[in-house]
């Protein structure tokens, strides 16, 4: 990303270079999180870590359930749109994962993620990452 003088702030999308855009599209910027897995702070598959402003929301009684598993690099919510989803929808998808966590589900998440990753690598349309039907939130 392009650097800015101290005290200046612009949107990240205006600071991104071609190289950093490519690194982000391929999710190569996630590689340093492998060290967190090796230290035991994260798992490979689980709900994505949240930004600090969302780490605890005392108004939402479902929040503590989300923290009953370690955060992960790959998550179920990312298969349904990830950060493009409203926060409450991501929370509900994370809770679906927490309540139904199995080795089979982890393998399914890994397989779908690899499929999307390689589709991006060979320049296919990644439209399938957001075209999966969303779980019913009612």
Protein backbone atom coordinates (compact mmCIF):
# COMPACT_ATOMS: atom_id res chain seq x y z
CA UNK A 1 0.00 0.00 0.00
CA UNK A 2 1.12 3.51 -0.63
CA UNK A 3 2.41 5.26 2.47
CA UNK A 4 0.95 8.52 3.75
CA UNK A 5 2.45 11.36 5.74
CA UNK A 6 1.64 11.19 9.47
CA UNK A 7 -1.83 12.53 10.26
CA UNK A 8 -3.24 11.90 6.78
CA UNK A 9 -5.92 9.31 6.12
CA UNK A 10 -7.54 8.10 2.92
CA UNK A 11 -9.58 5.00 2.14
CA UNK A 12 -7.59 1.79 1.71
CA UNK A 13 -8.95 1.30 -1.81
CA UNK A 14 -7.15 4.51 -2.86
CA UNK A 15 -3.87 3.36 -1.30
CA UNK A 16 -3.80 -0.11 -2.87
CA UNK A 17 -1.19 -0.74 -5.56
CA UNK A 18 -1.47 -3.32 -8.35
CA UNK A 19 0.76 -5.72 -6.44
CA UNK A 20 -1.13 -5.40 -3.14
CA UNK A 21 -4.42 -5.75 -5.00
CA UNK A 22 -3.22 -9.05 -6.48
CA UNK A 23 -1.92 -10.24 -3.09
CA UNK A 24 -5.30 -9.45 -1.49
CA UNK A 25 -7.31 -11.12 -4.27
CA UNK A 26 -5.35 -14.33 -3.82
CA UNK A 27 -5.56 -13.96 -0.02
CA UNK A 28 -1.80 -14.26 0.26
CA UNK A 29 -1.97 -11.60 2.97
CA UNK A 30 -3.41 -14.33 5.22
CA UNK A 31 -0.15 -16.33 5.26
CA UNK A 32 1.23 -14.64 8.44
CA UNK A 33 -1.75 -16.06 10.34
CA UNK A 34 -0.18 -19.50 9.98
CA UNK A 35 2.19 -18.45 12.77
CA UNK A 36 -0.84 -17.84 15.00
CA UNK A 37 -1.99 -21.39 14.22
CA UNK A 38 1.44 -22.77 15.12
CA UNK A 39 1.33 -20.85 18.44
CA UNK A 40 -2.11 -22.35 19.18
CA UNK A 41 -3.93 -18.99 19.11
CA UNK A 42 -6.00 -19.86 16.03
CA UNK A 43 -7.21 -22.89 14.15
CA UNK A 44 -7.12 -23.43 10.41
CA UNK A 45 -10.92 -23.52 10.13
CA UNK A 46 -13.30 -21.54 12.33
CA UNK A 47 -15.00 -18.16 12.52
CA UNK A 48 -12.76 -15.36 11.23
CA UNK A 49 -11.20 -13.15 13.92
CA UNK A 50 -13.13 -9.93 14.41
CA UNK A 51 -11.79 -6.38 14.36
CA UNK A 52 -11.21 -4.99 17.88
CA UNK A 53 -14.40 -2.90 17.82
CA UNK A 54 -16.44 -6.13 17.52
CA UNK A 55 -14.56 -8.34 19.96
CA UNK A 56 -17.35 -8.20 22.52
CA UNK A 57 -20.86 -6.95 22.13
CA UNK A 58 -22.64 -7.19 25.47
CA UNK A 59 -25.98 -6.30 23.83
CA UNK A 60 -25.98 -9.50 21.79
CA UNK A 61 -26.57 -12.63 23.92
CA UNK A 62 -25.24 -14.86 21.10
CA UNK A 63 -21.79 -13.29 21.10
CA UNK A 64 -20.21 -15.48 23.81
CA UNK A 65 -21.16 -18.62 21.81
CA UNK A 66 -19.07 -17.38 18.89
CA UNK A 67 -16.01 -17.35 21.14
CA UNK A 68 -16.48 -20.94 22.29
CA UNK A 69 -14.17 -22.04 19.43
CA UNK A 70 -10.83 -20.66 18.28
CA UNK A 71 -10.93 -18.22 15.36
CA UNK A 72 -9.75 -19.57 12.04
CA UNK A 73 -8.26 -18.52 8.72
CA UNK A 74 -11.04 -20.22 6.76
CA UNK A 75 -14.65 -19.96 7.83
CA UNK A 76 -18.16 -20.86 6.79
CA UNK A 77 -19.21 -17.21 6.55
CA UNK A 78 -16.50 -16.55 3.94
CA UNK A 79 -18.15 -19.07 1.62
CA UNK A 80 -21.34 -17.01 1.72
CA UNK A 81 -19.83 -13.59 1.09
CA UNK A 82 -17.61 -12.88 4.11
CA UNK A 83 -17.15 -9.19 4.74
CA UNK A 84 -19.73 -8.29 2.10
CA UNK A 85 -22.43 -9.65 4.42
CA UNK A 86 -23.99 -7.52 7.15
CA UNK A 87 -22.32 -8.21 10.49
CA UNK A 88 -25.40 -9.89 12.03
CA UNK A 89 -25.60 -12.34 9.12
CA UNK A 90 -21.92 -13.23 9.51
CA UNK A 91 -22.52 -13.75 13.24
CA UNK A 92 -25.42 -16.11 12.53
CA UNK A 93 -23.39 -18.10 10.00
CA UNK A 94 -20.51 -18.30 12.50
CA UNK A 95 -22.96 -19.64 15.08
CA UNK A 96 -24.18 -22.26 12.58
CA UNK A 97 -20.55 -23.39 12.32
CA UNK A 98 -20.00 -23.35 16.11
CA UNK A 99 -23.12 -25.41 16.78
CA UNK A 100 -22.49 -27.92 13.96
CA UNK A 101 -18.71 -28.18 14.02
CA UNK A 102 -17.55 -31.56 12.72
CA UNK A 103 -14.57 -32.86 10.80
CA UNK A 104 -16.86 -33.37 7.81
CA UNK A 105 -17.93 -29.71 7.88
CA UNK A 106 -14.30 -28.60 8.18
CA UNK A 107 -13.37 -30.72 5.15
CA UNK A 108 -16.30 -29.24 3.20
CA UNK A 109 -15.19 -25.68 4.06
CA UNK A 110 -11.60 -26.47 3.09
CA UNK A 111 -12.66 -28.06 -0.20
CA UNK A 112 -14.92 -25.20 -1.22
CA UNK A 113 -12.30 -22.64 -0.25
CA UNK A 114 -9.62 -24.39 -2.30
CA UNK A 115 -11.99 -24.56 -5.25
CA UNK A 116 -12.57 -20.80 -5.06
CA UNK A 117 -8.87 -20.10 -4.57
CA UNK A 118 -7.83 -22.08 -7.64
CA UNK A 119 -10.63 -20.53 -9.69
CA UNK A 120 -9.09 -17.13 -8.92
CA UNK A 121 -5.62 -18.43 -9.71
CA UNK A 122 -6.63 -19.45 -13.23
CA UNK A 123 -8.61 -16.26 -13.80
CA UNK A 124 -12.07 -17.82 -13.73
CA UNK A 125 -14.99 -15.75 -12.59
CA UNK A 126 -15.25 -16.02 -8.80
CA UNK A 127 -18.94 -15.18 -8.91
CA UNK A 128 -19.62 -18.58 -7.27
CA UNK A 129 -18.24 -17.35 -3.92
CA UNK A 130 -21.30 -15.19 -3.41
CA UNK A 131 -23.83 -17.15 -5.43
CA UNK A 132 -24.31 -19.93 -2.89
CA UNK A 133 -27.70 -19.74 -1.29
CA UNK A 134 -27.60 -18.18 2.14
CA UNK A 135 -28.88 -19.98 5.22
CA UNK A 136 -32.34 -18.98 6.39
CA UNK A 137 -31.95 -16.33 9.12
CA UNK A 138 -35.54 -16.36 10.36
